[in-house]
Amino acid sequence: MRTIWQDLRFGARMLKKNPGFTLVAVLILTLGIGANTAIFSLINAVFLRQLPVTEPERLVFGFSGTRNSPWGGISYQDYLLYRDRNEVFTGLAAYGAITVSLSSDEQPDLIRGQIVTGNYFEVLGARAVLGRTLSPAEDQTPGAHPVAVISHRLWQRRFGGKPDAIGREIVVNGHKFNVIGVTPAGFGDAELLETSDLYVPMMMQALVRPPSGGFSGEMNPDLLSRRGGGWLRMMGRLRPGVNIEKAQASLAVIDRQLALTYPNTNRETIVTLFAVNRIHPRAYRPLFSAGTLLLAVTGTVLLIACANVANLLLARASARRKEIAVRLSLGAGRVRLLRQLLTESLLLALIGGLSGLLLAFWIVELLKAAPPPTGMFSFNLNFSLDGRVLGFTFVLSLLTGIAFGLVPAWQATRPDILPVLKDEAYAVMRGGRRFNLRNSLVVIQVALSLLLLLCAGLFLRSLQRLHNVDPGFDADRLLTASLNINLLRYTSAQGREFYRQVIERVESLPGVQRASLARIVPISGGVG
């Protein structure tokens, strides 16, 4: 330990003695390590973080569909059968996304929520930070318990984070609900990386979940009793000792029973289980490919940084060759000198890693502050730099220090001692191989830089072509606005009259030539 401490002190003195070299090298390493740390923090948030709940490894998704398309939803009636007949889950919950109009003491707001069975939070293994969560008793009788659990974010925004929010009334789609609990900060849905602000019992479906394309005054109260047309997802908690394969085999038996009992709706339907990992299984592969591509790009940037710093170290070694020759002539071992030079490189890399961590933190804060794309709700991504990210940065810094420091240290400890001590110019001429190595590093930097530039050019060219694609209509001077009257308790006649008046008033605005209505706006990503 004493020797290591001596090496560290000597390395720090040498770096301090050459502030220009140290500053340039640290800046180069900061960019390379910081970019990789920022991308890894994103990958960590998407792929590696587990739900902040009890034993998340025992949670599984359940999707209903066919063998070729297993990503469908499930009806409430089918969910009840799977819940009551299975022997592999300690609990099986169902949930579905809703969009509701929320009113409290302020103006109405359109928010994203979930309609969930009474055991949702119990199966998920989550508790309320204030008040309580939903209970199975509140999910027995349709319309009997207008209660709601709200998110920590909504609690802060609409109630100022005050404890008296529990028991307060909010108006959801024109109906009064009582707030009974607040979820912890950072709590999000188990799926799709999205976060909801409201959770209401499944039995309140007639008030909060109108059928697609209908008017809220004519909500379909039969979604809970209708079989087929899956609109829910399932999530189960496996019993201790039960793996996902055994659970899948158990549900296959229920699949066959349902196919025989209800051939019209369940003939080819099967339930497929997937481990809960915060990403919809269908989106996992493209997101993984995108993450791999980003890491490859930032990894290439780091390789360029390593080659650049290695070249700087070779140039610096040329200036220190007489010092090294003197130390070798005085009896210093080559291994000892090699370790000393590597210590300097590792110290430089660690400083670059620390500053790269600060850069990554700044980038992460920018990502947090960035608003979601238009038409999308905010994602529930935790970009915080946790122990996994810190460990990644530390290991990356060590590997980087070895990568750019090993070869220069090896070359620097192999001088021709006598020529260096007698004739410095002769030693430079004899040491031409070092300059050959430096030229090779320059070639590597140029090649990798050209590769990145070509990839960036192709990417920009693709964006340009997408921007110039003819959509089939004149998009100039075209404005769109979204309307949703499903939540306003209109009848069909009232809805038609509302839309007629909207078109009439918009067309009367100065500068407006024509106005129209469409269920799906072209190139919006929606489907009919």
Protein backbone atom coordinates (compact mmCIF):
# COMPACT_ATOMS: atom_id res chain seq x y z
CA MET A 1 0.00 0.00 0.00
CA ARG A 2 2.89 2.35 0.74
CA THR A 3 4.27 1.81 -2.77
CA ILE A 4 0.86 2.43 -4.33
CA TRP A 5 0.48 5.61 -2.31
CA GLN A 6 3.92 6.77 -3.46
CA ASP A 7 2.97 6.07 -7.07
CA LEU A 8 -0.26 8.05 -6.68
CA ARG A 9 1.52 11.01 -5.12
CA PHE A 10 4.24 11.02 -7.77
CA GLY A 11 1.64 10.68 -10.54
CA ALA A 12 -0.37 13.58 -9.11
CA ARG A 13 2.77 15.73 -9.00
CA MET A 14 3.61 14.89 -12.62
CA LEU A 15 0.08 15.77 -13.77
CA LYS A 16 0.21 19.01 -11.80
CA LYS A 17 3.59 19.80 -13.32
CA ASN A 18 2.08 19.60 -16.83
CA PRO A 19 -1.27 21.43 -16.50
CA GLY A 20 -1.74 21.94 -20.24
CA PHE A 21 -1.35 18.25 -21.03
CA THR A 22 -3.53 17.27 -18.07
CA LEU A 23 -6.33 19.68 -19.01
CA VAL A 24 -6.46 18.58 -22.64
CA ALA A 25 -6.39 14.87 -21.74
CA VAL A 26 -9.09 15.29 -19.07
CA LEU A 27 -11.35 17.19 -21.47
CA ILE A 28 -10.98 14.46 -24.10
CA LEU A 29 -11.72 11.71 -21.55
CA THR A 30 -14.63 13.69 -20.10
CA LEU A 31 -16.40 13.70 -23.45
CA GLY A 32 -15.79 10.01 -24.09
CA ILE A 33 -16.60 8.67 -20.61
CA GLY A 34 -19.42 11.17 -20.01
CA ALA A 35 -21.22 10.21 -23.23
CA ASN A 36 -20.97 6.51 -22.39
CA THR A 37 -22.17 7.08 -18.82
CA ALA A 38 -25.17 9.10 -20.01
CA ILE A 39 -26.20 6.41 -22.51
CA PHE A 40 -25.70 3.69 -19.91
CA SER A 41 -27.88 5.58 -17.44
CA LEU A 42 -30.61 5.58 -20.10
CA ILE A 43 -30.17 1.84 -20.71
CA ASN A 44 -30.13 1.28 -16.96
CA ALA A 45 -33.43 3.17 -16.58
CA VAL A 46 -35.10 1.26 -19.43
CA PHE A 47 -33.73 -2.27 -19.13
CA LEU A 48 -32.03 -2.85 -15.80
CA ARG A 49 -34.07 -1.09 -13.14
CA GLN A 50 -36.76 -3.20 -11.57
CA LEU A 51 -40.05 -2.00 -10.20
CA PRO A 52 -39.72 -0.42 -6.73
CA VAL A 53 -42.02 -3.06 -5.26
CA THR A 54 -41.75 -6.21 -3.17
CA GLU A 55 -40.01 -9.12 -4.97
CA PRO A 56 -40.41 -7.79 -8.54
CA GLU A 57 -38.81 -10.96 -9.93
CA ARG A 58 -42.03 -12.87 -9.13
CA LEU A 59 -44.23 -10.59 -11.25
CA VAL A 60 -45.35 -11.62 -14.74
CA PHE A 61 -47.45 -10.06 -17.47
CA GLY A 62 -50.29 -12.02 -19.02
CA PHE A 63 -51.30 -11.25 -22.61
CA SER A 64 -54.17 -12.90 -24.44
CA GLY A 65 -54.00 -13.64 -28.15
CA THR A 66 -53.00 -16.26 -30.69
CA ARG A 67 -49.64 -17.99 -31.12
CA ASN A 68 -48.75 -15.65 -34.00
CA SER A 69 -50.02 -12.52 -32.25
CA PRO A 70 -49.87 -12.97 -28.46
CA TRP A 71 -50.02 -9.28 -27.47
CA GLY A 72 -53.77 -8.79 -27.11
CA GLY A 73 -55.85 -7.81 -24.12
CA ILE A 74 -58.28 -9.89 -22.14
CA SER A 75 -61.93 -9.42 -21.24
CA TYR A 76 -62.96 -9.00 -17.63
CA GLN A 77 -64.97 -12.23 -17.69
CA ASP A 78 -62.00 -14.23 -18.92
CA TYR A 79 -59.81 -12.59 -16.29
CA LEU A 80 -62.17 -13.80 -13.55
CA LEU A 81 -61.84 -17.37 -14.76
CA TYR A 82 -58.04 -17.23 -14.87
CA ARG A 83 -57.99 -15.60 -11.44
CA ASP A 84 -60.24 -18.21 -9.81
CA ARG A 85 -59.01 -21.38 -11.52
CA ASN A 86 -55.24 -20.98 -11.46
CA GLU A 87 -53.02 -22.57 -8.80
CA VAL A 88 -49.75 -20.83 -9.63
CA PHE A 89 -50.37 -17.24 -8.54
CA THR A 90 -50.73 -15.77 -5.09
CA GLY A 91 -52.69 -13.03 -6.82
CA LEU A 92 -53.79 -12.10 -10.34
CA ALA A 93 -54.78 -8.51 -11.13
CA ALA A 94 -56.24 -6.83 -14.20
CA TYR A 95 -55.83 -3.24 -15.33
CA GLY A 96 -56.52 -1.01 -18.30
CA ALA A 97 -55.45 2.46 -19.37
CA ILE A 98 -57.99 5.28 -19.24
CA THR A 99 -57.97 8.95 -20.11
CA VAL A 100 -60.26 11.03 -17.93
CA SER A 101 -61.27 14.61 -17.29
CA LEU A 102 -60.24 15.62 -13.79
CA SER A 103 -61.59 18.56 -11.79
CA SER A 104 -60.83 19.58 -8.22
CA ASP A 105 -60.54 23.20 -7.10
CA GLU A 106 -58.95 24.20 -10.40
CA GLN A 107 -59.90 24.03 -14.05
CA PRO A 108 -60.48 20.61 -15.65
CA ASP A 109 -57.48 18.69 -16.87
CA LEU A 110 -57.11 15.67 -19.13
CA ILE A 111 -54.97 13.05 -17.38
CA ARG A 112 -53.90 9.46 -17.86
CA GLY A 113 -55.07 6.87 -15.39
CA GLN A 114 -55.65 3.19 -14.78
CA ILE A 115 -58.81 1.27 -14.04
CA VAL A 116 -57.66 -1.61 -11.85
CA THR A 117 -59.00 -4.55 -9.90
CA GLY A 118 -59.11 -4.18 -6.13
CA ASN A 119 -56.05 -6.39 -5.65
CA TYR A 120 -53.86 -4.42 -8.08
CA PHE A 121 -51.62 -2.78 -5.49
CA GLU A 122 -51.54 -5.95 -3.39
CA VAL A 123 -50.34 -8.04 -6.34
CA LEU A 124 -47.90 -5.34 -7.38
CA GLY A 125 -46.50 -5.17 -3.85
CA ALA A 126 -46.82 -1.39 -3.57
CA ARG A 127 -48.03 0.77 -0.71
CA ALA A 128 -49.31 4.31 -0.47
CA VAL A 129 -47.03 7.03 0.89
CA LEU A 130 -50.13 8.76 2.25
CA GLY A 131 -53.47 7.22 3.05
CA ARG A 132 -54.06 3.73 1.65
CA THR A 133 -54.44 1.87 -1.62
CA LEU A 134 -57.53 0.23 -3.09
CA SER A 135 -58.92 -2.88 -1.40
CA PRO A 136 -60.74 -5.89 -2.93
CA ALA A 137 -63.85 -4.91 -0.94
CA GLU A 138 -64.09 -1.72 -3.00
CA ASP A 139 -64.20 -3.70 -6.21
CA GLN A 140 -67.23 -5.92 -5.71
CA THR A 141 -70.31 -3.93 -6.74
CA PRO A 142 -70.55 -1.77 -9.88
CA GLY A 143 -70.64 1.93 -9.05
CA ALA A 144 -70.65 1.40 -5.28
CA HIS A 145 -67.23 2.83 -4.34
CA PRO A 146 -66.20 6.05 -6.15
CA VAL A 147 -62.72 6.19 -4.63
CA ALA A 148 -59.36 6.97 -6.20
CA VAL A 149 -55.64 6.73 -5.54
CA ILE A 150 -53.65 9.57 -7.05
CA SER A 151 -49.98 9.83 -8.00
CA HIS A 152 -47.42 11.74 -5.98
CA ARG A 153 -47.00 14.11 -8.91
CA LEU A 154 -50.73 14.90 -9.09
CA TRP A 155 -50.83 15.29 -5.32
CA GLN A 156 -48.10 17.92 -5.51
CA ARG A 157 -49.61 19.70 -8.50
CA ARG A 158 -53.30 19.80 -7.53
CA PHE A 159 -53.16 19.67 -3.73
CA GLY A 160 -49.84 21.32 -2.99
CA GLY A 161 -48.54 18.18 -1.25
CA LYS A 162 -50.83 18.77 1.74
CA PRO A 163 -51.88 15.80 3.92
CA ASP A 164 -55.50 16.96 3.90
CA ALA A 165 -55.76 15.74 0.30
CA ILE A 166 -56.93 12.42 1.74
CA GLY A 167 -60.70 12.51 1.86
CA ARG A 168 -60.96 15.42 -0.58
CA GLU A 169 -63.33 15.22 -3.52
CA ILE A 170 -62.26 15.29 -7.13
CA VAL A 171 -64.57 15.25 -10.13
CA VAL A 172 -63.73 12.56 -12.69
CA ASN A 173 -65.73 12.73 -15.92
CA GLY A 174 -68.33 14.77 -14.09
CA HIS A 175 -68.66 12.33 -11.16
CA LYS A 176 -67.41 12.82 -7.61
CA PHE A 177 -64.63 10.56 -6.33
CA ASN A 178 -62.93 10.56 -2.92
CA VAL A 179 -59.13 10.53 -2.73
CA ILE A 180 -58.03 7.70 -0.41
CA GLY A 181 -54.30 7.47 -1.07
CA VAL A 182 -51.17 8.82 -2.75
CA THR A 183 -48.57 6.64 -4.45
CA PRO A 184 -44.86 7.12 -3.64
CA ALA A 185 -42.75 9.56 -5.64
CA GLY A 186 -41.46 7.88 -8.79
CA PHE A 187 -44.09 5.14 -8.69
CA GLY A 188 -45.18 4.19 -12.19
CA ASP A 189 -47.17 1.63 -14.04
CA ALA A 190 -45.84 -1.87 -14.50
CA GLU A 191 -45.95 -1.55 -18.26
CA LEU A 192 -44.88 0.66 -21.16
CA LEU A 193 -42.61 2.88 -19.08
CA GLU A 194 -45.50 5.28 -18.60
CA THR A 195 -46.84 6.80 -15.42
CA SER A 196 -50.47 7.27 -14.44
CA ASP A 197 -51.91 9.94 -12.20
CA LEU A 198 -55.13 8.21 -11.18
CA TYR A 199 -56.18 4.69 -10.14
CA VAL A 200 -59.86 3.79 -9.76
CA PRO A 201 -61.63 0.47 -9.04
CA MET A 202 -62.67 -1.76 -11.93
CA MET A 203 -66.29 -1.57 -10.82
CA MET A 204 -66.37 2.13 -11.74
CA GLN A 205 -65.94 1.27 -15.42
CA ALA A 206 -69.28 2.75 -16.46
CA LEU A 207 -68.10 6.19 -15.28
CA VAL A 208 -64.46 6.30 -16.29
CA ARG A 209 -64.06 3.98 -19.27
CA PRO A 210 -66.48 4.67 -22.14
CA PRO A 211 -66.13 2.43 -25.19
CA SER A 212 -63.89 3.64 -27.99
CA GLY A 213 -65.67 6.06 -30.30
CA GLY A 214 -68.79 6.34 -28.13
CA PHE A 215 -70.33 9.24 -26.25
CA SER A 216 -69.98 9.26 -22.48
CA GLY A 217 -73.73 9.75 -22.04
CA GLU A 218 -74.13 6.39 -23.71
CA MET A 219 -71.31 4.52 -21.99
CA ASN A 220 -71.42 0.79 -22.39
CA PRO A 221 -72.03 -0.66 -18.91
CA ASP A 222 -71.55 -4.16 -20.29
CA LEU A 223 -67.75 -4.10 -20.64
CA LEU A 224 -67.53 -6.00 -17.35
CA SER A 225 -70.01 -8.64 -18.43
CA ARG A 226 -69.05 -8.90 -22.10
CA ARG A 227 -66.82 -11.76 -23.20
CA GLY A 228 -64.36 -11.16 -26.01
CA GLY A 229 -62.93 -7.87 -27.20
CA GLY A 230 -60.12 -7.80 -24.67
CA TRP A 231 -59.47 -4.36 -23.19
CA LEU A 232 -57.50 -5.32 -20.09
CA ARG A 233 -54.01 -6.56 -19.22
CA MET A 234 -53.20 -9.09 -16.53
CA MET A 235 -50.39 -9.11 -14.02
CA GLY A 236 -49.73 -11.97 -11.61
CA ARG A 237 -47.43 -12.71 -8.70
CA LEU A 238 -46.01 -16.23 -8.87
CA ARG A 239 -46.18 -18.48 -5.84
CA PRO A 240 -42.83 -19.27 -4.19
CA GLY A 241 -41.10 -22.07 -6.08
CA VAL A 242 -43.19 -21.61 -9.25
CA ASN A 243 -41.34 -20.48 -12.37
CA ILE A 244 -42.80 -18.88 -15.44
CA GLU A 245 -42.71 -22.14 -17.46
CA LYS A 246 -44.77 -24.00 -14.88
CA ALA A 247 -47.24 -21.14 -14.69
CA GLN A 248 -47.55 -21.10 -18.47
CA ALA A 249 -48.33 -24.82 -18.52
CA SER A 250 -50.98 -24.36 -15.83
CA LEU A 251 -52.71 -21.59 -17.76
CA ALA A 252 -52.65 -23.68 -20.93
CA VAL A 253 -55.05 -26.09 -19.23
CA ILE A 254 -57.45 -23.20 -18.54
CA ASP A 255 -57.04 -22.05 -22.17
CA ARG A 256 -58.27 -25.42 -23.41
CA GLN A 257 -61.21 -25.37 -21.01
CA LEU A 258 -62.27 -21.92 -22.19
CA ALA A 259 -61.90 -22.94 -25.86
CA LEU A 260 -64.32 -25.80 -25.31
CA THR A 261 -66.78 -23.78 -23.21
CA TYR A 262 -66.74 -20.57 -25.28
CA PRO A 263 -65.71 -21.54 -28.84
CA ASN A 264 -67.04 -18.31 -30.36
CA THR A 265 -64.63 -16.08 -28.46
CA ASN A 266 -61.90 -18.37 -27.09
CA ARG A 267 -61.34 -21.02 -29.76
CA GLU A 268 -57.76 -20.02 -30.62
CA THR A 269 -57.03 -17.78 -27.66
CA ILE A 270 -54.13 -18.47 -25.35
CA VAL A 271 -52.56 -16.51 -22.50
CA THR A 272 -48.81 -15.93 -22.78
CA LEU A 273 -46.72 -14.93 -19.78
CA PHE A 274 -43.71 -12.61 -19.80
CA ALA A 275 -41.51 -11.45 -16.98
CA VAL A 276 -42.23 -7.90 -15.85
CA ASN A 277 -39.30 -5.69 -16.91
CA ARG A 278 -41.03 -2.32 -17.37
CA ILE A 279 -41.15 -2.74 -21.15
CA HIS A 280 -43.89 -4.18 -23.27
CA PRO A 281 -42.39 -7.41 -24.70
CA ARG A 282 -43.25 -6.30 -28.22
CA ALA A 283 -41.21 -3.11 -27.75
CA TYR A 284 -38.25 -4.80 -26.09
CA ARG A 285 -36.35 -5.81 -29.24
CA PRO A 286 -36.47 -2.44 -31.08
CA LEU A 287 -35.58 -0.58 -27.87
CA PHE A 288 -32.72 -3.00 -27.22
CA SER A 289 -31.44 -2.49 -30.77
CA ALA A 290 -31.60 1.28 -30.35
CA GLY A 291 -29.75 1.07 -27.02
CA THR A 292 -27.06 -1.15 -28.54
CA LEU A 293 -26.60 1.28 -31.42
CA LEU A 294 -26.24 4.23 -29.04
CA LEU A 295 -23.65 2.36 -26.97
CA ALA A 296 -21.75 1.44 -30.14
CA VAL A 297 -21.63 5.09 -31.21
CA THR A 298 -20.49 6.37 -27.81
CA GLY A 299 -18.05 3.45 -27.56
CA THR A 300 -16.50 4.53 -30.85
CA VAL A 301 -16.20 8.06 -29.50
CA LEU A 302 -14.40 6.66 -26.45
CA LEU A 303 -12.02 4.69 -28.68
CA ILE A 304 -11.17 7.88 -30.53
CA ALA A 305 -10.57 9.58 -27.19
CA CYS A 306 -8.29 6.73 -26.07
CA ALA A 307 -6.25 6.92 -29.28
CA ASN A 308 -5.96 10.67 -28.89
CA VAL A 309 -4.79 10.49 -25.28
CA ALA A 310 -2.42 7.63 -26.10
CA ASN A 311 -0.85 9.84 -28.76
CA LEU A 312 -0.47 12.62 -26.22
CA LEU A 313 1.20 10.21 -23.81
CA LEU A 314 3.63 9.06 -26.51
CA ALA A 315 4.55 12.65 -27.22
CA ARG A 316 4.98 13.28 -23.50
CA ALA A 317 7.08 10.11 -23.18
CA SER A 318 9.48 11.50 -25.78
CA ALA A 319 10.03 14.49 -23.51
CA ARG A 320 10.58 12.21 -20.50
CA ARG A 321 12.86 9.66 -22.19
CA LYS A 322 15.99 11.06 -20.51
CA GLU A 323 14.29 10.93 -17.09
CA ILE A 324 13.30 7.30 -17.66
CA ALA A 325 16.77 6.38 -18.96
CA VAL A 326 18.39 7.90 -15.86
CA ARG A 327 16.01 6.00 -13.55
CA LEU A 328 16.75 2.74 -15.37
CA SER A 329 20.51 3.34 -15.23
CA LEU A 330 20.24 3.91 -11.48
CA GLY A 331 18.75 0.47 -11.01
CA ALA A 332 14.99 1.06 -11.27
CA GLY A 333 13.23 -2.04 -12.55
CA ARG A 334 11.30 -1.87 -15.80
CA VAL A 335 8.20 -3.37 -14.15
CA ARG A 336 8.39 -0.71 -11.43
CA LEU A 337 8.54 2.07 -14.02
CA LEU A 338 5.78 0.47 -16.04
CA ARG A 339 3.56 0.40 -12.96
CA GLN A 340 4.37 4.03 -12.21
CA LEU A 341 3.43 5.17 -15.71
CA LEU A 342 0.25 3.10 -15.66
CA THR A 343 -0.63 4.65 -12.30
CA GLU A 344 -0.37 8.09 -13.90
CA SER A 345 -2.61 6.95 -16.77
CA LEU A 346 -5.18 5.44 -14.39
CA LEU A 347 -5.15 8.59 -12.26
CA LEU A 348 -5.74 10.64 -15.39
CA ALA A 349 -8.57 8.31 -16.42
CA LEU A 350 -10.21 8.50 -12.98
CA ILE A 351 -10.13 12.30 -13.08
CA GLY A 352 -11.66 12.13 -16.55
CA GLY A 353 -14.23 9.63 -15.25
CA LEU A 354 -15.20 11.94 -12.38
CA SER A 355 -15.65 14.91 -14.68
CA GLY A 356 -17.42 12.63 -17.18
CA LEU A 357 -19.81 11.64 -14.41
CA LEU A 358 -20.60 15.31 -13.84
CA LEU A 359 -21.18 15.74 -17.59
CA ALA A 360 -23.47 12.69 -17.61
CA PHE A 361 -25.39 14.12 -14.65
CA TRP A 362 -25.92 17.35 -16.60
CA ILE A 363 -27.09 15.43 -19.67
CA VAL A 364 -29.45 13.36 -17.53
CA GLU A 365 -30.94 16.52 -16.02
CA LEU A 366 -31.58 17.80 -19.55
CA LEU A 367 -33.33 14.53 -20.41
CA LYS A 368 -35.49 14.81 -17.30
CA ALA A 369 -36.46 18.37 -18.15
CA ALA A 370 -37.24 17.61 -21.79
CA PRO A 371 -41.01 17.52 -22.42
CA PRO A 372 -42.50 14.36 -23.93
CA PRO A 373 -43.30 14.31 -27.65
CA THR A 374 -46.54 15.94 -28.69
CA GLY A 375 -49.55 13.76 -27.96
CA MET A 376 -47.69 11.50 -25.53
CA PHE A 377 -47.84 11.28 -21.75
CA SER A 378 -44.68 11.55 -19.73
CA PHE A 379 -42.56 8.45 -19.35
CA ASN A 380 -41.75 7.00 -15.97
CA LEU A 381 -38.00 6.75 -16.45
CA ASN A 382 -35.66 7.03 -13.49
CA PHE A 383 -32.41 8.39 -14.91
CA SER A 384 -30.75 8.87 -11.53
CA LEU A 385 -27.09 7.90 -11.31
CA ASP A 386 -27.36 4.92 -8.96
CA GLY A 387 -24.70 2.46 -7.80
CA ARG A 388 -24.89 0.52 -11.05
CA VAL A 389 -24.13 3.64 -13.10
CA LEU A 390 -21.35 4.69 -10.72
CA GLY A 391 -19.83 1.21 -10.92
CA PHE A 392 -20.04 1.28 -14.71
CA THR A 393 -18.26 4.63 -14.80
CA PHE A 394 -15.54 3.44 -12.42
CA VAL A 395 -14.86 0.24 -14.36
CA LEU A 396 -15.00 2.12 -17.66
CA SER A 397 -12.49 4.64 -16.35
CA LEU A 398 -10.10 1.89 -15.26
CA LEU A 399 -10.37 0.09 -18.61
CA THR A 400 -9.93 3.39 -20.42
CA GLY A 401 -6.79 4.17 -18.40
CA ILE A 402 -5.32 0.79 -19.26
CA ALA A 403 -6.37 1.09 -22.91
CA PHE A 404 -4.63 4.40 -23.58
CA GLY A 405 -1.81 4.00 -21.05
CA LEU A 406 -0.45 0.50 -21.53
CA VAL A 407 1.22 0.82 -24.94
CA PRO A 408 2.79 4.26 -24.28
CA ALA A 409 4.08 3.00 -20.91
CA TRP A 410 5.50 -0.13 -22.56
CA GLN A 411 7.26 1.94 -25.22
CA ALA A 412 8.51 4.54 -22.73
CA THR A 413 10.23 1.88 -20.58
CA ARG A 414 12.23 0.48 -23.53
CA PRO A 415 14.69 3.28 -24.32
CA ASP A 416 18.20 2.79 -25.63
CA ILE A 417 19.78 3.94 -22.37
CA LEU A 418 23.34 4.76 -23.53
CA PRO A 419 22.35 6.69 -26.70
CA VAL A 420 19.76 8.67 -24.71
CA LEU A 421 22.30 9.59 -22.01
CA LYS A 422 25.06 10.41 -24.57
CA ASP A 423 23.30 11.87 -27.54
CA GLU A 424 19.62 12.88 -27.35
CA ALA A 425 19.34 13.57 -31.08
CA TYR A 426 20.68 10.12 -31.88
CA ALA A 427 18.16 8.58 -29.48
CA VAL A 428 15.32 10.37 -31.21
CA MET A 429 16.50 8.96 -34.53
CA ARG A 430 16.79 5.47 -33.07
CA GLY A 431 13.39 5.86 -31.43
CA GLY A 432 11.61 6.32 -34.74
CA ARG A 433 9.36 3.35 -34.02
CA ARG A 434 7.55 5.47 -31.42
CA PHE A 435 6.64 7.98 -34.11
CA ASN A 436 5.46 5.11 -36.30
CA LEU A 437 3.15 4.06 -33.46
CA ARG A 438 1.96 7.63 -33.10
CA ASN A 439 1.22 7.75 -36.81
CA SER A 440 -0.72 4.52 -36.50
CA LEU A 441 -2.81 6.02 -33.70
CA VAL A 442 -3.51 9.05 -35.85
CA VAL A 443 -4.68 6.75 -38.65
CA ILE A 444 -6.96 4.93 -36.21
CA GLN A 445 -8.43 8.24 -35.00
CA VAL A 446 -9.05 9.43 -38.53
CA ALA A 447 -10.61 6.10 -39.56
CA LEU A 448 -12.97 5.98 -36.57
CA SER A 449 -13.86 9.66 -37.02
CA LEU A 450 -14.67 9.08 -40.68
CA LEU A 451 -16.83 6.10 -39.69
CA LEU A 452 -18.80 8.25 -37.26
CA LEU A 453 -19.11 11.05 -39.80
CA LEU A 454 -20.38 8.63 -42.45
CA CYS A 455 -22.97 7.20 -40.04
CA ALA A 456 -24.04 10.70 -39.01
CA GLY A 457 -24.28 11.72 -42.65
CA LEU A 458 -26.44 8.71 -43.52
CA PHE A 459 -28.65 9.42 -40.53
CA LEU A 460 -29.11 13.07 -41.53
CA ARG A 461 -29.75 12.01 -45.12
CA SER A 462 -32.47 9.63 -43.94
CA LEU A 463 -34.07 12.40 -41.87
CA GLN A 464 -33.97 14.70 -44.89
CA ARG A 465 -35.64 12.10 -47.09
CA LEU A 466 -38.33 11.51 -44.47
CA HIS A 467 -38.90 15.24 -44.26
CA ASN A 468 -39.28 15.47 -48.04
CA VAL A 469 -41.67 12.53 -48.39
CA ASP A 470 -44.89 13.55 -50.12
CA PRO A 471 -47.70 12.77 -47.64
CA GLY A 472 -50.30 12.85 -50.40
CA PHE A 473 -51.89 16.10 -49.28
CA ASP A 474 -50.96 19.76 -48.93
CA ALA A 475 -49.64 20.17 -45.39
CA ASP A 476 -48.79 23.87 -45.74
CA ARG A 477 -50.85 26.20 -43.55
CA LEU A 478 -52.62 23.18 -42.04
CA LEU A 479 -53.35 23.24 -38.30
CA THR A 480 -54.80 20.42 -36.18
CA ALA A 481 -56.35 20.29 -32.73
CA SER A 482 -57.57 17.30 -30.76
CA LEU A 483 -61.07 17.01 -29.29
CA ASN A 484 -62.52 14.35 -27.01
CA ILE A 485 -66.18 14.62 -26.06
CA ASN A 486 -66.46 11.04 -24.85
CA LEU A 487 -65.96 12.32 -21.30
CA LEU A 488 -68.55 15.12 -21.43
CA ARG A 489 -71.68 12.97 -20.97
CA TYR A 490 -73.08 13.96 -24.36
CA THR A 491 -75.70 11.92 -26.16
CA SER A 492 -75.17 11.11 -29.84
CA ALA A 493 -77.40 14.00 -30.87
CA GLN A 494 -75.61 16.42 -28.56
CA GLY A 495 -72.26 15.19 -29.84
CA ARG A 496 -73.22 15.77 -33.48
CA GLU A 497 -74.48 19.25 -32.64
CA PHE A 498 -71.25 20.01 -30.76
CA TYR A 499 -69.12 19.04 -33.75
CA ARG A 500 -71.33 21.02 -36.11
CA GLN A 501 -70.91 24.15 -34.01
CA VAL A 502 -67.13 23.58 -33.76
CA ILE A 503 -66.78 23.47 -37.55
CA GLU A 504 -69.02 26.47 -37.97
CA ARG A 505 -67.15 28.62 -35.44
CA VAL A 506 -63.70 27.61 -36.64
CA GLU A 507 -64.59 28.44 -40.25
CA SER A 508 -65.76 31.88 -39.10
CA LEU A 509 -62.33 32.71 -37.66
CA PRO A 510 -60.28 35.26 -39.65
CA GLY A 511 -57.79 33.56 -41.97
CA VAL A 512 -59.48 30.14 -41.87
CA GLN A 513 -60.56 28.85 -45.29
CA ARG A 514 -62.02 25.44 -44.41
CA ALA A 515 -62.43 23.24 -41.35
CA SER A 516 -63.08 19.52 -41.13
CA LEU A 517 -63.22 16.61 -38.69
CA ALA A 518 -61.29 13.35 -38.79
CA ARG A 519 -61.11 10.43 -36.44
CA ILE A 520 -57.49 9.68 -37.39
CA VAL A 521 -55.20 12.45 -38.57
CA PRO A 522 -52.89 11.32 -41.41
CA ILE A 523 -49.33 10.42 -40.35
CA SER A 524 -50.28 10.66 -36.69
CA GLY A 525 -49.44 7.07 -35.82
CA GLY A 526 -53.06 6.19 -35.11
CA VAL A 527 -55.11 3.39 -36.61
CA GLY A 528 -58.72 3.33 -37.59
